[in-house]
Amino acid sequence: MGEASSVVVPYAAYLRVYEPLAAFPEPERSHWYRYAERKEIPTAQDELRRSLADLLPVPPVPVPVHESSDAFVAVVDGVTCVCPWRTRLRGWLALEELAEQLPKPVLDAVLPAVVRRQAESDYERWLERNPDARPWIRTSTWHVPVLWFALFSAGEREYVKDATEPVLRYRTPMVEARRRVARALRVLRDSMDEGPLIDGLEGVGRWLEEFHPRSLVELDYGGLVHALPEGQLAEDHSAADVAEGLQALREGDGARAGRAYERLTDRWRAVRERQFAS
């Protein structure tokens, strides 16, 4: 297979929270303060390469033995904020999702049962010592969940066209993300029965409440930029479509809401179908 750095980038998008240093207790706060002062800070590609490196041994290492001490860093209105990678915790959570997504024979081929059982046992013991733990990063493969776009406005879209590594992301203050979640939930509850969309948005809202109110929330298309043709990427305004759909529901215009939702589902269905293309 070659070096880990040569592995094709997985098509994953990320929802991240960057918290101000004041949100962290000591001694972690001092660690992140020193970390943010470094001249070279690892990138998302660095994090990806490190995680892929664990999958090369036989048997693979689905969850790192030690928790990462790295983070993404952003400066918001002069305030330094960090988004800890927490790759070990995210590895355990991803393993749980994998068990729900793959048939057992396929799962056994990807990760032997003995490896999964050991990881699950390690996670149970770790949770006993860290009952309030939560990740700063959520990951979605082959698509961006529609409900994630409800956290952002069309004007917060950032698209940087680059031949080697284009970037498409949204960033918003935590207070705005929480306000939009609450407003979207009111509209959805008034317009439809309980279901996966409402449940999912409620889950994201509870997750956001775990963080400092002066945090920054980011939706990063990550590796999905490589799954979308350049023209389609440039014309992707999914947050605007979600906002239009919610506004239409608020006004009782079901037909317009349906058209907005259809644009979204058609766009992301086309991306997800590539997962199974030969």
Protein backbone atom coordinates (compact mmCIF):
# COMPACT_ATOMS: atom_id res chain seq x y z
CA MET A 1 0.00 0.00 0.00
CA GLY A 2 2.94 2.32 0.50
CA GLU A 3 3.33 5.15 2.97
CA ALA A 4 0.29 6.36 4.91
CA SER A 5 0.60 9.75 3.28
CA SER A 6 -0.08 8.18 -0.12
CA VAL A 7 -3.47 6.78 0.87
CA VAL A 8 -6.41 8.42 -0.92
CA VAL A 9 -8.12 11.03 1.24
CA PRO A 10 -11.42 9.67 2.63
CA TYR A 11 -14.48 11.62 1.59
CA ALA A 12 -15.48 13.00 5.00
CA ALA A 13 -16.91 16.29 6.24
CA TYR A 14 -16.48 17.70 9.74
CA LEU A 15 -18.49 19.74 12.23
CA ARG A 16 -16.04 21.30 14.70
CA VAL A 17 -16.21 23.46 17.81
CA TYR A 18 -13.33 25.77 18.71
CA GLU A 19 -13.40 26.81 22.37
CA PRO A 20 -11.58 29.80 23.90
CA LEU A 21 -8.65 28.93 26.15
CA ALA A 22 -10.60 30.20 29.16
CA ALA A 23 -13.00 27.25 28.75
CA PHE A 24 -10.32 24.72 29.69
CA PRO A 25 -9.29 23.91 33.26
CA GLU A 26 -5.66 23.84 34.30
CA PRO A 27 -3.28 22.28 33.44
CA GLU A 28 -4.95 21.73 30.04
CA ARG A 29 -5.38 25.48 29.52
CA SER A 30 -1.64 26.07 29.82
CA HIS A 31 -0.96 23.19 27.44
CA TRP A 32 -3.20 24.70 24.77
CA TYR A 33 -1.76 28.18 25.37
CA ARG A 34 1.75 26.87 24.68
CA TYR A 35 0.46 24.78 21.80
CA ALA A 36 -1.18 27.77 20.08
CA GLU A 37 2.11 29.69 20.30
CA ARG A 38 3.90 27.10 18.16
CA LYS A 39 5.10 28.18 14.75
CA GLU A 40 3.91 25.01 13.03
CA ILE A 41 0.53 23.55 13.96
CA PRO A 42 -0.66 20.28 12.37
CA THR A 43 -3.34 20.55 9.70
CA ALA A 44 -6.40 18.45 8.95
CA GLN A 45 -4.31 16.51 6.43
CA ASP A 46 -1.76 15.73 9.16
CA GLU A 47 -4.51 14.41 11.42
CA LEU A 48 -5.85 12.26 8.59
CA ARG A 49 -2.46 10.78 7.77
CA ARG A 50 -1.85 9.85 11.40
CA SER A 51 -5.22 8.11 11.70
CA LEU A 52 -4.68 6.23 8.43
CA ALA A 53 -1.27 5.08 9.63
CA ASP A 54 -2.97 3.10 12.41
CA LEU A 55 -4.94 1.12 9.83
CA LEU A 56 -1.83 -0.19 8.04
CA PRO A 57 -0.60 -2.72 10.65
CA VAL A 58 -2.01 -6.26 10.76
CA PRO A 59 -4.24 -6.45 12.71
CA PRO A 60 -5.21 -2.76 12.35
CA VAL A 61 -5.34 -0.37 15.29
CA PRO A 62 -8.90 1.04 15.16
CA VAL A 63 -8.42 3.27 18.23
CA PRO A 64 -5.13 4.99 19.20
CA VAL A 65 -3.49 3.68 22.34
CA HIS A 66 -2.94 7.21 23.64
CA GLU A 67 -5.10 10.31 23.33
CA SER A 68 -3.87 13.01 20.97
CA SER A 69 -2.43 16.20 22.45
CA ASP A 70 -3.01 18.10 19.18
CA ALA A 71 -5.73 20.54 18.19
CA PHE A 72 -6.86 22.88 15.44
CA VAL A 73 -6.38 26.56 16.28
CA ALA A 74 -8.42 29.61 15.26
CA VAL A 75 -8.25 33.25 16.35
CA VAL A 76 -11.72 34.78 16.69
CA ASP A 77 -11.90 38.55 17.29
CA GLY A 78 -8.46 38.41 18.87
CA VAL A 79 -9.34 35.44 21.10
CA THR A 80 -7.40 32.21 20.60
CA CYS A 81 -9.67 29.16 20.35
CA VAL A 82 -8.75 25.50 20.02
CA CYS A 83 -10.53 22.41 18.78
CA PRO A 84 -8.87 19.35 20.37
CA TRP A 85 -8.56 16.37 18.05
CA ARG A 86 -9.45 13.78 20.70
CA THR A 87 -8.72 11.05 18.14
CA ARG A 88 -8.98 8.23 20.68
CA LEU A 89 -12.49 9.17 21.77
CA ARG A 90 -13.57 9.75 18.17
CA GLY A 91 -12.12 6.37 17.22
CA TRP A 92 -14.32 4.63 19.76
CA LEU A 93 -17.39 6.54 18.60
CA ALA A 94 -16.63 5.77 14.95
CA LEU A 95 -16.25 2.09 15.81
CA GLU A 96 -19.75 2.08 17.31
CA GLU A 97 -21.17 3.67 14.15
CA LEU A 98 -19.29 1.21 11.93
CA ALA A 99 -20.90 -1.72 13.73
CA GLU A 100 -24.32 -0.24 12.91
CA GLN A 101 -23.54 0.46 9.25
CA LEU A 102 -21.80 -2.71 8.02
CA PRO A 103 -23.06 -6.31 7.82
CA LYS A 104 -21.22 -8.53 10.27
CA PRO A 105 -19.24 -10.50 7.62
CA VAL A 106 -17.98 -7.26 6.11
CA LEU A 107 -17.22 -5.82 9.54
CA ASP A 108 -15.28 -8.96 10.51
CA ALA A 109 -13.21 -8.62 7.33
CA VAL A 110 -12.44 -4.98 8.03
CA LEU A 111 -11.84 -5.34 11.77
CA PRO A 112 -11.54 -8.79 13.37
CA ALA A 113 -13.99 -9.44 16.19
CA VAL A 114 -11.19 -9.84 18.73
CA VAL A 115 -9.90 -6.34 17.86
CA ARG A 116 -13.39 -4.85 18.24
CA ARG A 117 -14.00 -6.56 21.56
CA GLN A 118 -10.74 -5.24 22.97
CA ALA A 119 -11.56 -1.71 21.80
CA GLU A 120 -15.04 -1.91 23.32
CA SER A 121 -13.63 -3.12 26.63
CA ASP A 122 -11.08 -0.30 26.67
CA TYR A 123 -13.84 2.24 25.95
CA GLU A 124 -16.05 0.96 28.78
CA ARG A 125 -13.21 1.29 31.28
CA TRP A 126 -12.32 4.75 29.97
CA LEU A 127 -15.94 5.94 30.22
CA GLU A 128 -16.06 4.97 33.88
CA ARG A 129 -13.26 7.47 34.51
CA ASN A 130 -14.53 10.09 32.04
CA PRO A 131 -18.36 10.02 32.16
CA ASP A 132 -18.79 13.58 30.85
CA ALA A 133 -16.44 13.29 27.86
CA ARG A 134 -17.59 14.59 24.48
CA PRO A 135 -15.82 15.14 21.15
CA TRP A 136 -15.11 18.58 19.72
CA ILE A 137 -15.42 17.14 16.21
CA ARG A 138 -18.23 15.26 14.47
CA THR A 139 -17.55 13.40 11.23
CA SER A 140 -19.78 12.40 8.33
CA THR A 141 -18.60 10.29 5.39
CA TRP A 142 -19.75 10.79 1.81
CA HIS A 143 -22.20 13.57 2.63
CA VAL A 144 -22.94 16.54 4.85
CA PRO A 145 -26.03 15.90 7.00
CA VAL A 146 -28.76 18.34 5.98
CA LEU A 147 -29.36 19.35 9.59
CA TRP A 148 -25.76 20.61 9.93
CA PHE A 149 -26.53 23.40 7.46
CA ALA A 150 -29.25 24.71 9.79
CA LEU A 151 -26.48 26.08 12.03
CA PHE A 152 -25.17 28.50 9.41
CA SER A 153 -26.27 31.34 7.13
CA ALA A 154 -25.54 31.63 3.43
CA GLY A 155 -23.34 34.67 4.09
CA GLU A 156 -20.97 32.58 6.24
CA ARG A 157 -19.99 30.38 3.32
CA GLU A 158 -16.26 30.46 2.46
CA TYR A 159 -15.12 28.93 -0.82
CA VAL A 160 -11.46 29.00 -1.80
CA LYS A 161 -10.75 27.62 -5.25
CA ASP A 162 -7.40 25.84 -5.29
CA ALA A 163 -6.17 23.28 -7.80
CA THR A 164 -4.60 21.06 -5.13
CA GLU A 165 -6.76 21.59 -2.05
CA PRO A 166 -9.96 23.63 -2.47
CA VAL A 167 -11.76 24.64 0.70
CA LEU A 168 -15.48 24.97 1.32
CA ARG A 169 -16.55 25.77 4.86
CA TYR A 170 -18.91 27.74 7.07
CA ARG A 171 -18.03 29.40 10.38
CA THR A 172 -20.34 31.04 12.90
CA PRO A 173 -20.30 32.14 16.55
CA MET A 174 -21.73 29.60 18.98
CA VAL A 175 -24.55 31.94 20.02
CA GLU A 176 -25.73 32.15 16.40
CA ALA A 177 -25.52 28.37 15.92
CA ARG A 178 -27.61 27.75 19.05
CA ARG A 179 -30.17 30.38 18.06
CA ARG A 180 -30.58 28.87 14.60
CA VAL A 181 -30.97 25.36 15.99
CA ALA A 182 -33.71 26.53 18.36
CA ARG A 183 -35.50 28.42 15.59
CA ALA A 184 -35.24 25.50 13.14
CA LEU A 185 -36.62 23.10 15.75
CA ARG A 186 -39.65 25.33 16.34
CA VAL A 187 -40.39 25.40 12.62
CA LEU A 188 -39.95 21.64 12.16
CA ARG A 189 -42.07 20.74 15.20
CA ASP A 190 -44.85 22.99 13.94
CA SER A 191 -44.64 21.50 10.44
CA MET A 192 -44.06 17.76 10.80
CA ASP A 193 -44.23 14.78 13.10
CA GLU A 194 -41.31 13.65 15.21
CA GLY A 195 -38.70 11.82 13.16
CA PRO A 196 -34.99 11.44 12.33
CA LEU A 197 -34.59 15.07 11.21
CA ILE A 198 -35.96 16.53 14.43
CA ASP A 199 -34.19 13.94 16.58
CA GLY A 200 -30.90 14.61 14.84
CA LEU A 201 -31.18 18.38 15.21
CA GLU A 202 -32.05 17.98 18.88
CA GLY A 203 -28.91 15.88 19.31
CA VAL A 204 -26.75 18.53 17.67
CA GLY A 205 -28.35 21.19 19.87
CA ARG A 206 -27.56 19.22 23.04
CA TRP A 207 -23.98 18.76 21.84
CA LEU A 208 -23.54 22.50 21.25
CA GLU A 209 -24.76 23.24 24.78
CA GLU A 210 -21.73 21.38 26.14
CA PHE A 211 -19.36 24.13 24.98
CA HIS A 212 -18.40 27.67 25.99
CA PRO A 213 -20.84 30.31 24.64
CA ARG A 214 -17.98 32.23 23.00
CA SER A 215 -16.92 29.23 20.93
CA LEU A 216 -16.70 29.09 17.14
CA VAL A 217 -18.63 26.46 15.16
CA GLU A 218 -17.24 25.28 11.83
CA LEU A 219 -18.60 23.07 9.06
CA ASP A 220 -15.74 21.91 6.84
CA TYR A 221 -16.38 19.91 3.66
CA GLY A 222 -12.97 18.31 4.25
CA GLY A 223 -12.28 15.47 1.81
CA LEU A 224 -15.69 15.89 0.16
CA VAL A 225 -14.19 18.66 -1.96
CA HIS A 226 -12.50 15.86 -3.93
CA ALA A 227 -15.80 14.04 -4.51
CA LEU A 228 -17.50 17.05 -6.13
CA PRO A 229 -16.65 18.43 -9.60
CA GLU A 230 -15.27 21.95 -9.46
CA GLY A 231 -18.36 23.51 -10.99
CA GLN A 232 -20.70 21.69 -8.64
CA LEU A 233 -18.57 22.66 -5.65
CA ALA A 234 -18.61 26.33 -6.65
CA GLU A 235 -22.40 26.25 -7.06
CA ASP A 236 -23.07 24.36 -3.83
CA HIS A 237 -25.13 26.65 -1.60
CA SER A 238 -26.69 24.03 0.66
CA ALA A 239 -27.00 26.33 3.67
CA ALA A 240 -29.01 28.76 1.55
CA ASP A 241 -31.27 25.90 0.41
CA VAL A 242 -31.87 24.82 4.02
CA ALA A 243 -32.62 28.41 5.06
CA GLU A 244 -35.07 28.78 2.17
CA GLY A 245 -36.78 25.51 3.05
CA LEU A 246 -37.20 26.51 6.69
CA GLN A 247 -38.50 29.94 5.72
CA ALA A 248 -41.00 28.35 3.36
CA LEU A 249 -42.22 26.01 6.11
CA ARG A 250 -42.52 28.97 8.47
CA GLU A 251 -44.73 30.71 5.89
CA GLY A 252 -46.78 27.58 5.22
CA ASP A 253 -45.50 27.23 1.65
CA GLY A 254 -45.05 23.47 1.43
CA ALA A 255 -44.39 23.48 -2.32
CA ARG A 256 -41.43 25.87 -2.06
CA ALA A 257 -40.07 23.95 0.92
CA GLY A 258 -40.33 20.75 -1.10
CA ARG A 259 -38.36 22.24 -3.98
CA ALA A 260 -35.58 23.38 -1.67
CA TYR A 261 -35.42 19.97 -0.01
CA GLU A 262 -35.38 18.26 -3.40
CA ARG A 263 -32.37 20.32 -4.49
CA LEU A 264 -30.54 19.25 -1.35
CA THR A 265 -31.39 15.57 -1.57
CA ASP A 266 -30.56 15.37 -5.29
CA ARG A 267 -27.20 17.04 -4.70
CA TRP A 268 -26.13 14.78 -1.86
CA ARG A 269 -27.64 11.61 -3.33
CA ALA A 270 -25.38 12.08 -6.35
CA VAL A 271 -22.35 12.33 -4.05
CA ARG A 272 -23.26 9.30 -1.94
CA GLU A 273 -23.86 7.16 -5.04
CA ARG A 274 -20.18 7.56 -5.89
CA GLN A 275 -19.34 5.62 -2.76
CA PHE A 276 -20.56 2.47 -4.51
CA ALA A 277 -19.35 3.30 -8.02
CA SER A 278 -16.75 0.98 -9.48
